[in-house]
N, C-alpha and C. Protein backbone atom coordinates (compact mmCIF):
# COMPACT_ATOMS: atom_id res chain seq x y z
N MET A 1 -11.48 -12.88 -8.42
CA MET A 1 -11.30 -12.70 -7.02
C MET A 1 -12.63 -13.04 -6.35
N ILE A 2 -12.56 -13.51 -5.11
CA ILE A 2 -13.79 -13.69 -4.25
C ILE A 2 -13.94 -12.49 -3.56
N PHE A 3 -15.25 -11.97 -3.62
CA PHE A 3 -15.38 -10.67 -2.96
C PHE A 3 -15.87 -10.90 -1.41
N ASP A 4 -15.07 -10.28 -0.55
CA ASP A 4 -15.50 -10.40 0.84
C ASP A 4 -16.58 -9.41 1.20
N THR A 5 -17.55 -9.84 2.03
CA THR A 5 -18.65 -9.09 2.30
C THR A 5 -18.13 -8.00 3.38
N ARG A 6 -18.94 -6.83 3.30
CA ARG A 6 -18.71 -5.90 4.31
C ARG A 6 -18.86 -6.39 5.64
N ARG A 7 -19.93 -7.16 5.86
CA ARG A 7 -20.18 -7.76 7.17
C ARG A 7 -19.03 -8.53 7.75
N GLU A 8 -18.41 -9.33 7.02
CA GLU A 8 -17.24 -10.14 7.45
C GLU A 8 -16.12 -9.28 7.84
N ILE A 9 -15.82 -8.27 7.00
CA ILE A 9 -14.77 -7.13 7.32
C ILE A 9 -15.09 -6.39 8.64
N ASP A 10 -16.32 -6.20 8.86
CA ASP A 10 -16.66 -5.25 9.81
C ASP A 10 -16.90 -5.90 11.27
N ARG A 11 -16.83 -7.21 11.18
CA ARG A 11 -17.00 -8.13 12.38
C ARG A 11 -16.21 -7.57 13.55
N ALA A 12 -16.58 -7.45 14.85
CA ALA A 12 -15.93 -6.78 15.92
C ALA A 12 -15.38 -7.71 17.00
N ASP A 13 -15.50 -9.05 16.71
CA ASP A 13 -15.20 -9.98 17.85
C ASP A 13 -13.73 -10.50 17.65
N GLU A 14 -12.87 -9.84 16.90
CA GLU A 14 -11.47 -10.28 16.74
C GLU A 14 -10.64 -9.13 16.42
N ASP A 15 -9.36 -9.17 16.56
CA ASP A 15 -8.44 -8.16 16.12
C ASP A 15 -8.26 -8.03 14.52
N LEU A 16 -8.06 -6.83 14.10
CA LEU A 16 -7.94 -6.62 12.64
C LEU A 16 -6.53 -6.54 12.28
N TRP A 17 -6.19 -7.18 11.09
CA TRP A 17 -4.90 -7.11 10.44
C TRP A 17 -5.07 -6.25 9.16
N VAL A 18 -4.20 -5.24 8.97
CA VAL A 18 -4.20 -4.42 7.87
C VAL A 18 -2.93 -4.67 7.18
N PHE A 19 -2.95 -4.87 5.84
CA PHE A 19 -1.70 -5.02 5.11
C PHE A 19 -1.38 -3.68 4.33
N GLY A 20 -0.29 -3.07 4.53
CA GLY A 20 0.08 -1.85 3.92
C GLY A 20 1.22 -2.07 2.91
N TYR A 21 1.07 -1.44 1.91
CA TYR A 21 2.04 -1.64 0.72
C TYR A 21 2.48 -0.36 0.06
N GLY A 22 1.84 0.78 0.48
CA GLY A 22 2.28 2.21 -0.06
C GLY A 22 2.42 3.07 1.16
N SER A 23 1.69 4.05 1.25
CA SER A 23 1.80 5.15 2.24
C SER A 23 1.46 4.53 3.65
N LEU A 24 0.56 3.56 3.70
CA LEU A 24 0.23 2.96 4.98
C LEU A 24 1.40 2.43 5.80
N MET A 25 2.43 1.96 4.96
CA MET A 25 3.67 1.44 5.56
C MET A 25 4.40 2.39 6.38
N TRP A 26 4.57 3.67 5.90
CA TRP A 26 5.34 4.68 6.58
C TRP A 26 4.47 5.73 7.26
N ARG A 27 3.06 5.72 7.01
CA ARG A 27 2.26 6.58 7.57
C ARG A 27 0.89 5.94 7.82
N PRO A 28 0.77 4.96 8.92
CA PRO A 28 -0.51 4.36 8.86
C PRO A 28 -1.70 5.21 9.30
N GLY A 29 -1.34 6.16 10.38
CA GLY A 29 -2.46 6.98 10.81
C GLY A 29 -3.30 6.46 11.77
N PHE A 30 -3.13 5.21 12.39
CA PHE A 30 -4.02 4.55 13.21
C PHE A 30 -3.16 3.90 14.39
N ALA A 31 -3.76 3.53 15.66
CA ALA A 31 -2.97 2.81 16.63
C ALA A 31 -3.01 1.31 16.20
N PHE A 32 -1.88 0.61 16.60
CA PHE A 32 -1.72 -0.66 16.36
C PHE A 32 -1.02 -1.35 17.46
N GLU A 33 -1.24 -2.54 17.59
CA GLU A 33 -0.47 -3.48 18.59
C GLU A 33 0.82 -4.08 18.06
N GLU A 34 0.86 -4.44 16.76
CA GLU A 34 2.07 -5.09 16.18
C GLU A 34 2.21 -4.38 14.78
N ARG A 35 3.55 -4.33 14.37
CA ARG A 35 3.90 -3.86 13.03
C ARG A 35 4.85 -4.88 12.51
N VAL A 36 4.45 -5.76 11.52
CA VAL A 36 5.32 -6.95 11.15
C VAL A 36 5.50 -6.90 9.53
N PRO A 37 6.70 -7.13 9.16
CA PRO A 37 6.95 -7.35 7.71
C PRO A 37 6.22 -8.52 7.26
N ALA A 38 5.48 -8.42 6.12
CA ALA A 38 4.62 -9.57 5.59
C ALA A 38 4.70 -9.65 4.10
N ARG A 39 4.24 -10.83 3.72
CA ARG A 39 4.24 -11.16 2.25
C ARG A 39 2.77 -11.59 1.79
N LEU A 40 2.37 -10.98 0.77
CA LEU A 40 1.10 -11.24 0.20
C LEU A 40 1.29 -11.90 -1.18
N VAL A 41 0.61 -13.08 -1.43
CA VAL A 41 0.77 -13.94 -2.73
C VAL A 41 -0.53 -13.76 -3.44
N GLY A 42 -0.38 -13.51 -4.75
CA GLY A 42 -1.62 -13.33 -5.66
C GLY A 42 -1.87 -12.04 -6.03
N LEU A 43 -1.30 -11.02 -5.41
CA LEU A 43 -1.47 -9.68 -5.90
C LEU A 43 -0.17 -8.93 -5.80
N HIS A 44 0.11 -7.97 -6.68
CA HIS A 44 1.35 -7.24 -6.56
C HIS A 44 1.17 -5.72 -6.47
N ARG A 45 2.28 -5.05 -5.99
CA ARG A 45 2.14 -3.53 -5.82
C ARG A 45 2.41 -2.92 -7.23
N ALA A 46 1.58 -2.04 -7.67
CA ALA A 46 1.61 -1.28 -8.78
C ALA A 46 1.12 0.13 -8.81
N LEU A 47 1.87 1.04 -9.63
CA LEU A 47 1.38 2.37 -9.57
C LEU A 47 0.33 2.51 -10.67
N CYS A 48 -0.83 2.19 -10.24
CA CYS A 48 -1.87 1.92 -11.24
C CYS A 48 -3.41 2.59 -11.01
N VAL A 49 -3.24 3.65 -10.14
CA VAL A 49 -4.50 4.38 -9.74
C VAL A 49 -4.07 5.84 -10.07
N TYR A 50 -4.93 6.39 -10.92
CA TYR A 50 -4.92 8.00 -11.00
C TYR A 50 -5.42 8.57 -9.65
N SER A 51 -4.71 9.46 -9.21
CA SER A 51 -5.06 10.25 -8.08
C SER A 51 -5.67 11.60 -8.32
N PHE A 52 -6.91 11.65 -7.92
CA PHE A 52 -7.57 12.99 -7.93
C PHE A 52 -7.70 13.78 -6.72
N VAL A 53 -7.22 13.23 -5.72
CA VAL A 53 -7.50 13.78 -4.34
C VAL A 53 -6.21 13.89 -3.55
N HIS A 54 -5.55 12.88 -3.11
CA HIS A 54 -4.37 12.96 -2.28
C HIS A 54 -3.11 13.31 -2.89
N ARG A 55 -2.93 12.93 -4.17
CA ARG A 55 -1.67 13.29 -4.84
C ARG A 55 -1.85 13.88 -6.27
N GLY A 56 -3.09 14.43 -6.40
CA GLY A 56 -3.35 15.07 -7.65
C GLY A 56 -4.76 15.62 -7.80
N THR A 57 -5.18 16.00 -8.83
CA THR A 57 -6.62 16.70 -8.99
C THR A 57 -7.19 16.00 -10.28
N PRO A 58 -8.42 16.28 -10.51
CA PRO A 58 -9.03 15.58 -11.76
C PRO A 58 -8.49 16.46 -13.02
N GLU A 59 -8.01 17.57 -12.83
CA GLU A 59 -7.42 18.46 -13.93
C GLU A 59 -5.97 17.97 -14.21
N GLN A 60 -5.29 17.67 -13.10
CA GLN A 60 -3.84 17.27 -13.19
C GLN A 60 -3.69 16.08 -12.25
N PRO A 61 -4.07 14.91 -12.66
CA PRO A 61 -3.98 13.73 -11.85
C PRO A 61 -2.62 13.31 -11.52
N GLY A 62 -2.38 12.70 -10.39
CA GLY A 62 -1.20 12.02 -10.14
C GLY A 62 -1.37 10.43 -10.10
N LEU A 63 -0.46 9.74 -9.63
CA LEU A 63 -0.53 8.31 -9.76
C LEU A 63 -0.15 7.76 -8.20
N VAL A 64 -1.07 6.85 -7.69
CA VAL A 64 -0.78 6.05 -6.45
C VAL A 64 -0.86 4.60 -6.72
N LEU A 65 -0.43 3.94 -5.59
CA LEU A 65 -0.34 2.48 -5.70
C LEU A 65 -1.70 1.71 -5.50
N GLY A 66 -1.81 0.67 -6.10
CA GLY A 66 -2.79 -0.36 -5.85
C GLY A 66 -2.21 -1.75 -5.85
N LEU A 67 -3.02 -2.72 -5.34
CA LEU A 67 -2.58 -3.88 -5.58
C LEU A 67 -3.36 -4.56 -6.78
N ASP A 68 -2.65 -4.89 -7.77
CA ASP A 68 -3.15 -5.47 -9.07
C ASP A 68 -2.88 -6.99 -9.13
N ARG A 69 -3.66 -7.77 -9.85
CA ARG A 69 -3.66 -9.05 -9.88
C ARG A 69 -2.36 -9.77 -10.24
N GLY A 70 -2.14 -10.83 -9.53
CA GLY A 70 -0.82 -11.62 -10.01
C GLY A 70 0.34 -11.20 -9.14
N GLY A 71 1.28 -12.21 -9.02
CA GLY A 71 2.56 -11.89 -8.30
C GLY A 71 2.62 -11.87 -6.89
N THR A 72 3.49 -11.20 -6.27
CA THR A 72 3.59 -11.23 -4.71
C THR A 72 3.82 -9.73 -4.37
N CYS A 73 3.64 -9.47 -3.03
CA CYS A 73 4.04 -8.22 -2.63
C CYS A 73 4.55 -8.33 -1.18
N ARG A 74 5.62 -7.60 -0.96
CA ARG A 74 6.20 -7.43 0.34
C ARG A 74 5.63 -6.12 0.94
N GLY A 75 5.15 -6.11 2.27
CA GLY A 75 4.82 -5.01 2.74
C GLY A 75 4.67 -5.08 4.32
N ILE A 76 3.91 -4.25 4.87
CA ILE A 76 3.84 -4.27 6.46
C ILE A 76 2.38 -4.63 6.89
N ALA A 77 2.32 -5.69 7.83
CA ALA A 77 0.98 -5.85 8.41
C ALA A 77 0.89 -5.33 9.82
N PHE A 78 -0.23 -4.64 9.96
CA PHE A 78 -0.53 -3.98 11.41
C PHE A 78 -1.69 -4.75 11.98
N ARG A 79 -1.37 -5.16 13.29
CA ARG A 79 -2.51 -5.69 14.09
C ARG A 79 -3.17 -4.63 14.91
N VAL A 80 -4.52 -4.43 14.83
CA VAL A 80 -5.23 -3.58 15.50
C VAL A 80 -6.16 -4.21 16.46
N ASP A 81 -6.10 -3.79 17.70
CA ASP A 81 -6.89 -4.26 18.72
C ASP A 81 -8.46 -4.31 18.23
N LYS A 82 -9.08 -5.27 18.66
CA LYS A 82 -10.62 -5.33 18.26
C LYS A 82 -11.41 -4.28 18.70
N THR A 83 -11.03 -3.62 19.98
CA THR A 83 -11.70 -2.52 20.44
C THR A 83 -11.46 -1.32 19.55
N ARG A 84 -10.47 -1.24 18.76
CA ARG A 84 -10.37 -0.09 17.89
C ARG A 84 -10.64 -0.53 16.40
N ARG A 85 -11.19 -1.70 16.18
CA ARG A 85 -11.43 -2.13 14.84
C ARG A 85 -12.51 -1.19 14.13
N ALA A 86 -13.62 -0.86 14.66
CA ALA A 86 -14.54 -0.14 13.92
C ALA A 86 -14.04 1.33 13.65
N ASP A 87 -13.34 1.92 14.69
CA ASP A 87 -12.81 3.29 14.38
C ASP A 87 -11.59 3.31 13.33
N THR A 88 -10.77 2.23 13.26
CA THR A 88 -9.89 2.02 12.29
C THR A 88 -10.41 1.85 10.95
N LEU A 89 -11.35 1.06 10.77
CA LEU A 89 -12.00 0.90 9.42
C LEU A 89 -12.74 2.09 8.89
N ALA A 90 -13.22 2.78 9.82
CA ALA A 90 -13.91 4.20 9.45
C ALA A 90 -12.81 5.16 8.91
N TYR A 91 -11.59 5.08 9.63
CA TYR A 91 -10.41 5.99 9.14
C TYR A 91 -9.95 5.57 7.80
N LEU A 92 -9.86 4.20 7.64
CA LEU A 92 -9.30 3.78 6.45
C LEU A 92 -10.23 4.01 5.29
N ARG A 93 -11.41 3.83 5.41
CA ARG A 93 -12.38 4.06 4.32
C ARG A 93 -12.41 5.63 3.99
N GLU A 94 -12.24 6.42 5.04
CA GLU A 94 -12.30 7.88 4.66
C GLU A 94 -11.04 8.18 3.87
N ARG A 95 -9.82 7.55 4.22
CA ARG A 95 -8.60 7.79 3.57
C ARG A 95 -8.47 7.18 2.23
N GLU A 96 -8.81 5.94 2.08
CA GLU A 96 -8.54 5.09 0.89
C GLU A 96 -9.71 5.07 -0.15
N GLN A 97 -10.99 5.35 0.38
CA GLN A 97 -12.16 4.99 -0.49
C GLN A 97 -12.84 6.31 -0.86
N THR A 98 -12.08 7.49 -1.04
CA THR A 98 -12.78 8.76 -1.39
C THR A 98 -13.45 8.55 -2.69
N THR A 99 -12.94 7.90 -3.67
CA THR A 99 -13.63 7.68 -4.96
C THR A 99 -13.99 6.12 -5.18
N ASN A 100 -13.85 5.30 -4.17
CA ASN A 100 -14.02 3.80 -4.35
C ASN A 100 -13.40 3.13 -5.37
N VAL A 101 -12.10 3.50 -5.49
CA VAL A 101 -11.24 2.91 -6.55
C VAL A 101 -10.76 1.46 -6.14
N TYR A 102 -10.87 1.15 -4.83
CA TYR A 102 -10.27 -0.02 -4.26
C TYR A 102 -11.26 -0.99 -3.87
N LEU A 103 -11.04 -2.26 -4.03
CA LEU A 103 -11.87 -3.29 -3.44
C LEU A 103 -11.32 -3.64 -2.17
N GLU A 104 -12.13 -3.60 -1.06
CA GLU A 104 -11.77 -4.12 0.23
C GLU A 104 -12.01 -5.76 0.41
N LEU A 105 -10.75 -6.28 0.54
CA LEU A 105 -10.65 -7.83 0.72
C LEU A 105 -9.89 -8.33 1.77
N LEU A 106 -10.23 -9.50 2.17
CA LEU A 106 -9.47 -10.19 3.25
C LEU A 106 -8.70 -11.30 2.54
N ARG A 107 -7.38 -11.19 2.75
CA ARG A 107 -6.61 -12.12 2.18
C ARG A 107 -5.51 -12.72 3.09
N PRO A 108 -5.06 -14.00 2.93
CA PRO A 108 -4.04 -14.42 3.77
C PRO A 108 -2.67 -13.78 3.47
N VAL A 109 -1.89 -13.43 4.56
CA VAL A 109 -0.55 -12.93 4.38
C VAL A 109 0.29 -13.80 5.32
N THR A 110 1.58 -13.81 4.95
CA THR A 110 2.51 -14.46 5.74
C THR A 110 3.23 -13.38 6.59
N LEU A 111 3.35 -13.49 7.80
CA LEU A 111 3.99 -12.47 8.70
C LEU A 111 5.50 -13.06 8.86
N LEU A 112 6.45 -12.12 8.57
CA LEU A 112 7.78 -12.50 8.44
C LEU A 112 8.52 -11.89 9.74
N ASP A 113 8.29 -12.69 10.73
CA ASP A 113 8.82 -12.26 12.00
C ASP A 113 10.40 -12.65 12.22
N ASP A 114 10.97 -12.40 13.27
CA ASP A 114 12.33 -12.77 13.54
C ASP A 114 12.61 -14.17 13.08
N PRO A 115 13.42 -14.51 12.11
CA PRO A 115 13.77 -15.89 11.57
C PRO A 115 14.18 -16.82 12.72
N THR A 116 14.76 -16.22 13.92
CA THR A 116 15.27 -17.01 14.89
C THR A 116 14.23 -17.59 15.72
N LEU A 117 13.06 -17.15 15.65
CA LEU A 117 11.88 -17.70 16.50
C LEU A 117 11.40 -18.95 15.93
N GLU A 118 11.17 -19.93 16.65
CA GLU A 118 10.65 -21.12 16.16
C GLU A 118 9.17 -21.30 16.49
N ARG A 119 8.51 -21.57 15.45
CA ARG A 119 6.99 -21.67 15.64
C ARG A 119 6.42 -22.96 14.85
N GLY A 120 7.10 -24.01 15.21
CA GLY A 120 6.65 -25.28 14.87
C GLY A 120 6.94 -25.53 13.41
N ALA A 121 6.04 -25.73 12.54
CA ALA A 121 6.28 -26.10 11.15
C ALA A 121 6.92 -24.98 10.26
N GLY A 122 6.82 -23.78 10.65
CA GLY A 122 7.43 -22.67 9.95
C GLY A 122 8.12 -21.75 10.81
N ALA A 123 9.57 -21.86 10.86
CA ALA A 123 10.21 -20.97 11.76
C ALA A 123 10.05 -19.43 11.44
N GLY A 124 9.66 -18.78 12.46
CA GLY A 124 9.57 -17.27 12.16
C GLY A 124 8.33 -16.85 11.32
N GLU A 125 7.51 -17.64 11.16
CA GLU A 125 6.30 -17.15 10.16
C GLU A 125 5.04 -17.50 10.91
N ARG A 126 4.06 -16.58 10.67
CA ARG A 126 2.69 -16.87 10.99
C ARG A 126 1.85 -16.30 9.77
N ARG A 127 0.67 -17.05 9.72
CA ARG A 127 -0.20 -16.66 8.64
C ARG A 127 -1.45 -16.20 9.21
N VAL A 128 -1.91 -14.80 8.74
CA VAL A 128 -3.10 -14.49 9.19
C VAL A 128 -3.97 -13.74 8.02
N ARG A 129 -5.21 -13.71 8.34
CA ARG A 129 -6.04 -12.93 7.20
C ARG A 129 -5.97 -11.46 7.48
N ALA A 130 -5.68 -10.67 6.43
CA ALA A 130 -5.46 -9.21 6.54
C ALA A 130 -6.49 -8.43 5.51
N LEU A 131 -6.83 -7.27 6.01
CA LEU A 131 -7.55 -6.41 5.00
C LEU A 131 -6.50 -5.87 4.07
N VAL A 132 -6.83 -5.97 2.83
CA VAL A 132 -6.08 -5.36 1.84
C VAL A 132 -6.93 -4.55 0.70
N TYR A 133 -6.29 -3.44 0.33
CA TYR A 133 -7.08 -2.58 -0.69
C TYR A 133 -6.48 -2.81 -2.13
N ALA A 134 -7.27 -3.72 -2.88
CA ALA A 134 -6.84 -4.03 -4.28
C ALA A 134 -7.62 -3.13 -5.21
N VAL A 135 -6.89 -2.77 -6.35
CA VAL A 135 -7.42 -1.73 -7.36
C VAL A 135 -8.69 -2.53 -8.08
N ASP A 136 -9.75 -1.79 -8.26
CA ASP A 136 -10.83 -2.10 -9.09
C ASP A 136 -10.54 -1.94 -10.60
N ARG A 137 -10.24 -2.90 -11.34
CA ARG A 137 -9.82 -2.71 -12.70
C ARG A 137 -10.89 -2.15 -13.62
N SER A 138 -12.16 -2.21 -13.10
CA SER A 138 -13.24 -1.65 -13.89
C SER A 138 -13.32 -0.21 -13.62
N HIS A 139 -12.73 0.38 -12.60
CA HIS A 139 -13.00 1.81 -12.23
C HIS A 139 -12.28 2.84 -13.22
N PRO A 140 -12.91 3.91 -13.43
CA PRO A 140 -12.27 4.85 -14.41
C PRO A 140 -10.92 5.35 -14.02
N GLN A 141 -10.58 5.32 -12.74
CA GLN A 141 -9.24 5.62 -12.30
C GLN A 141 -8.21 4.56 -12.43
N TYR A 142 -8.54 3.48 -13.02
CA TYR A 142 -7.40 2.32 -13.25
C TYR A 142 -6.54 2.82 -14.18
N ALA A 143 -5.22 2.82 -13.89
CA ALA A 143 -4.16 3.27 -14.73
C ALA A 143 -2.94 2.24 -14.86
N GLY A 144 -3.42 0.97 -14.99
CA GLY A 144 -2.49 -0.11 -15.07
C GLY A 144 -1.85 -0.32 -16.37
N ARG A 145 -2.01 0.41 -17.42
CA ARG A 145 -1.54 0.15 -18.59
C ARG A 145 -0.67 1.32 -19.29
N LEU A 146 -0.09 2.22 -18.27
CA LEU A 146 0.64 3.21 -18.62
C LEU A 146 2.16 2.85 -18.86
N ASP A 147 3.00 3.45 -19.81
CA ASP A 147 4.41 3.16 -19.91
C ASP A 147 5.12 4.18 -18.89
N LEU A 148 6.40 3.88 -18.73
CA LEU A 148 7.23 4.63 -17.81
C LEU A 148 7.20 6.12 -18.01
N ASP A 149 7.31 6.55 -19.31
CA ASP A 149 7.23 7.92 -19.58
C ASP A 149 6.04 8.65 -19.05
N ALA A 150 4.83 7.86 -19.23
CA ALA A 150 3.51 8.60 -18.76
C ALA A 150 3.52 8.67 -17.36
N GLN A 151 4.11 7.58 -16.62
CA GLN A 151 4.09 7.57 -15.15
C GLN A 151 4.88 8.75 -14.72
N VAL A 152 6.12 8.98 -15.33
CA VAL A 152 6.96 9.94 -14.85
C VAL A 152 6.37 11.28 -14.97
N ARG A 153 5.68 11.55 -16.05
CA ARG A 153 5.08 12.77 -16.38
C ARG A 153 3.83 13.10 -15.24
N LEU A 154 2.97 12.00 -15.13
CA LEU A 154 2.01 12.21 -14.08
C LEU A 154 2.54 12.46 -12.68
N VAL A 155 3.54 11.65 -12.34
CA VAL A 155 4.10 11.94 -10.90
C VAL A 155 4.58 13.29 -10.82
N ARG A 156 5.40 13.63 -11.79
CA ARG A 156 5.96 15.06 -11.57
C ARG A 156 4.91 16.10 -11.47
N GLN A 157 3.82 15.99 -12.21
CA GLN A 157 2.94 17.10 -12.18
C GLN A 157 1.90 16.94 -10.99
N GLY A 158 1.80 15.79 -10.44
CA GLY A 158 0.81 15.56 -9.35
C GLY A 158 1.00 16.24 -8.03
N HIS A 159 0.05 16.86 -7.43
CA HIS A 159 0.15 17.49 -6.25
C HIS A 159 -1.34 17.61 -5.73
N GLY A 160 -1.62 16.98 -4.54
CA GLY A 160 -3.09 16.95 -4.08
C GLY A 160 -2.91 17.28 -2.62
N GLN A 161 -4.07 16.95 -1.90
CA GLN A 161 -4.26 17.18 -0.44
C GLN A 161 -3.25 16.66 0.48
N SER A 162 -2.61 15.59 0.07
CA SER A 162 -1.55 15.01 0.92
C SER A 162 -0.18 15.34 0.50
N GLY A 163 0.01 16.31 -0.50
CA GLY A 163 1.29 16.76 -1.01
C GLY A 163 1.66 16.24 -2.19
N PRO A 164 3.06 16.52 -2.71
CA PRO A 164 3.47 16.10 -4.05
C PRO A 164 3.56 14.79 -4.25
N ASN A 165 3.08 14.43 -5.46
CA ASN A 165 3.15 12.92 -5.92
C ASN A 165 4.49 12.30 -5.72
N ARG A 166 5.50 13.26 -6.20
CA ARG A 166 6.90 12.79 -6.15
C ARG A 166 7.38 12.31 -4.74
N ASP A 167 6.84 13.04 -3.73
CA ASP A 167 7.31 12.70 -2.29
C ASP A 167 6.73 11.34 -2.02
N TYR A 168 5.39 11.12 -2.47
CA TYR A 168 4.79 9.74 -2.18
C TYR A 168 5.65 8.65 -2.66
N VAL A 169 5.94 8.73 -3.99
CA VAL A 169 6.78 7.70 -4.58
C VAL A 169 8.10 7.46 -3.92
N LEU A 170 8.86 8.52 -3.70
CA LEU A 170 10.09 8.33 -3.13
C LEU A 170 10.14 7.83 -1.61
N SER A 171 9.12 8.23 -0.93
CA SER A 171 8.99 7.78 0.52
C SER A 171 8.60 6.28 0.46
N THR A 172 7.78 5.80 -0.46
CA THR A 172 7.47 4.37 -0.55
C THR A 172 8.71 3.65 -0.92
N VAL A 173 9.48 4.11 -1.91
CA VAL A 173 10.75 3.41 -2.19
C VAL A 173 11.61 3.30 -0.98
N ARG A 174 11.84 4.35 -0.30
CA ARG A 174 12.64 4.33 0.95
C ARG A 174 12.21 3.25 1.86
N GLU A 175 10.87 3.20 2.15
CA GLU A 175 10.36 2.24 3.04
C GLU A 175 10.67 0.75 2.48
N ILE A 176 10.56 0.52 1.20
CA ILE A 176 10.77 -0.72 0.52
C ILE A 176 12.24 -1.08 0.76
N GLU A 177 13.04 -0.05 0.62
CA GLU A 177 14.62 -0.25 0.87
C GLU A 177 14.80 -0.62 2.28
N ALA A 178 14.13 0.00 3.27
CA ALA A 178 14.29 -0.27 4.77
C ALA A 178 13.91 -1.66 5.08
N GLN A 179 13.05 -2.23 4.22
CA GLN A 179 12.74 -3.75 4.46
C GLN A 179 13.71 -4.57 3.94
N GLY A 180 14.80 -4.05 3.19
CA GLY A 180 15.77 -4.90 2.54
C GLY A 180 15.30 -5.54 1.26
N CYS A 181 14.20 -4.83 0.67
CA CYS A 181 13.60 -5.28 -0.63
C CYS A 181 13.80 -4.45 -1.78
N HIS A 182 13.49 -4.79 -3.04
CA HIS A 182 13.72 -3.96 -4.19
C HIS A 182 12.48 -4.14 -5.12
N ASP A 183 11.91 -3.16 -5.59
CA ASP A 183 10.81 -3.16 -6.43
C ASP A 183 11.22 -2.59 -7.80
N ALA A 184 11.59 -3.42 -8.75
CA ALA A 184 12.34 -2.97 -9.85
C ALA A 184 11.74 -1.74 -10.73
N LYS A 185 10.22 -1.72 -10.86
CA LYS A 185 9.48 -0.76 -11.52
C LYS A 185 9.52 0.55 -10.78
N LEU A 186 9.37 0.44 -9.48
CA LEU A 186 9.33 1.76 -8.64
C LEU A 186 10.77 2.26 -8.62
N HIS A 187 11.75 1.47 -8.42
CA HIS A 187 13.15 1.95 -8.41
C HIS A 187 13.49 2.69 -9.66
N LEU A 188 13.11 2.11 -10.70
CA LEU A 188 13.42 2.72 -12.02
C LEU A 188 12.79 4.05 -12.07
N LEU A 189 11.34 4.10 -11.76
CA LEU A 189 10.77 5.31 -11.73
C LEU A 189 11.45 6.42 -10.73
N ALA A 190 11.81 5.98 -9.61
CA ALA A 190 12.52 6.84 -8.61
C ALA A 190 13.82 7.44 -9.25
N ARG A 191 14.51 6.60 -9.89
CA ARG A 191 15.73 7.11 -10.54
C ARG A 191 15.44 8.20 -11.55
N ARG A 192 14.43 8.04 -12.30
CA ARG A 192 13.96 9.00 -13.35
C ARG A 192 13.57 10.32 -12.52
N LEU A 193 12.89 10.23 -11.43
CA LEU A 193 12.36 11.31 -10.75
C LEU A 193 13.50 12.01 -10.00
N THR A 194 14.56 11.43 -9.72
CA THR A 194 15.58 12.05 -8.85
C THR A 194 16.81 12.32 -9.71
N ALA A 195 16.78 12.22 -11.11
CA ALA A 195 17.81 12.50 -12.00
C ALA A 195 18.29 13.96 -11.75
N GLY A 196 19.55 14.20 -11.28
CA GLY A 196 19.92 15.54 -11.02
C GLY A 196 19.41 16.13 -9.69
N HIS A 197 18.69 15.39 -8.84
CA HIS A 197 18.40 15.76 -7.61
C HIS A 197 18.78 14.76 -6.51
N GLU A 198 18.07 14.73 -5.42
CA GLU A 198 18.62 13.73 -4.32
C GLU A 198 18.28 12.22 -4.76
N THR A 199 18.97 11.48 -4.09
CA THR A 199 18.70 9.89 -4.42
C THR A 199 17.66 9.39 -3.58
N PRO A 200 16.99 8.27 -3.98
CA PRO A 200 15.97 7.71 -3.12
C PRO A 200 16.09 7.53 -1.68
N GLY A 201 17.44 7.30 -1.36
CA GLY A 201 17.76 7.07 -0.02
C GLY A 201 18.00 8.29 0.84
N ALA A 202 17.67 9.45 0.36
CA ALA A 202 17.87 10.69 1.19
C ALA A 202 16.85 10.90 2.10
N THR A 203 16.94 11.90 3.04
CA THR A 203 16.09 12.01 4.15
C THR A 203 14.66 12.26 3.54
N PRO A 204 13.67 11.50 4.06
CA PRO A 204 12.28 11.64 3.49
C PRO A 204 11.68 13.05 3.87
N ALA A 205 10.77 13.38 3.05
CA ALA A 205 9.95 14.57 3.37
C ALA A 205 9.04 14.28 4.40
N ALA A 206 8.54 15.26 5.16
CA ALA A 206 7.64 15.09 6.27
C ALA A 206 6.14 14.71 5.67
């Protein structure tokens, strides 16, 4: 990957696009001008980060999502007005970079607007550069090689500052379904987590 400089990301002369693929999709926590379904190519969503803060502790870690290399990812792109760019970046860094497990990158994403809109060469599509948080595979919290049983165990035990790990996974699955999409690995995990309980499509936890 080509590493984007902090200076380029911090530039204040244009609006900021942020690509959400996990909790940012359903709980962004910042003001935005547009919220658009989007597709990222070259990275995929994976439950590949040990959580020591938001959904677990160092003693009982949970698992949260990261963007890992290869594949594609459907998510949500948020456009932030340039006047709020600095404040939004500060908020995101406090939220996402507690342990610096993510790489801040700018990557092209395709915005999947109303397909009835005509935009010249591509009907209903725009391409923008968006801020993405990709997992640092060299970080000790990288958890991209766990099997399903290990993931289930960690998610069931995980509970951190932002609540139960299980709620995080199920809320993400519900948001993916709301977009009309399916993530095979996350849906399989959700079925394991909800065996004998509510289904992934039940009312989400607050």
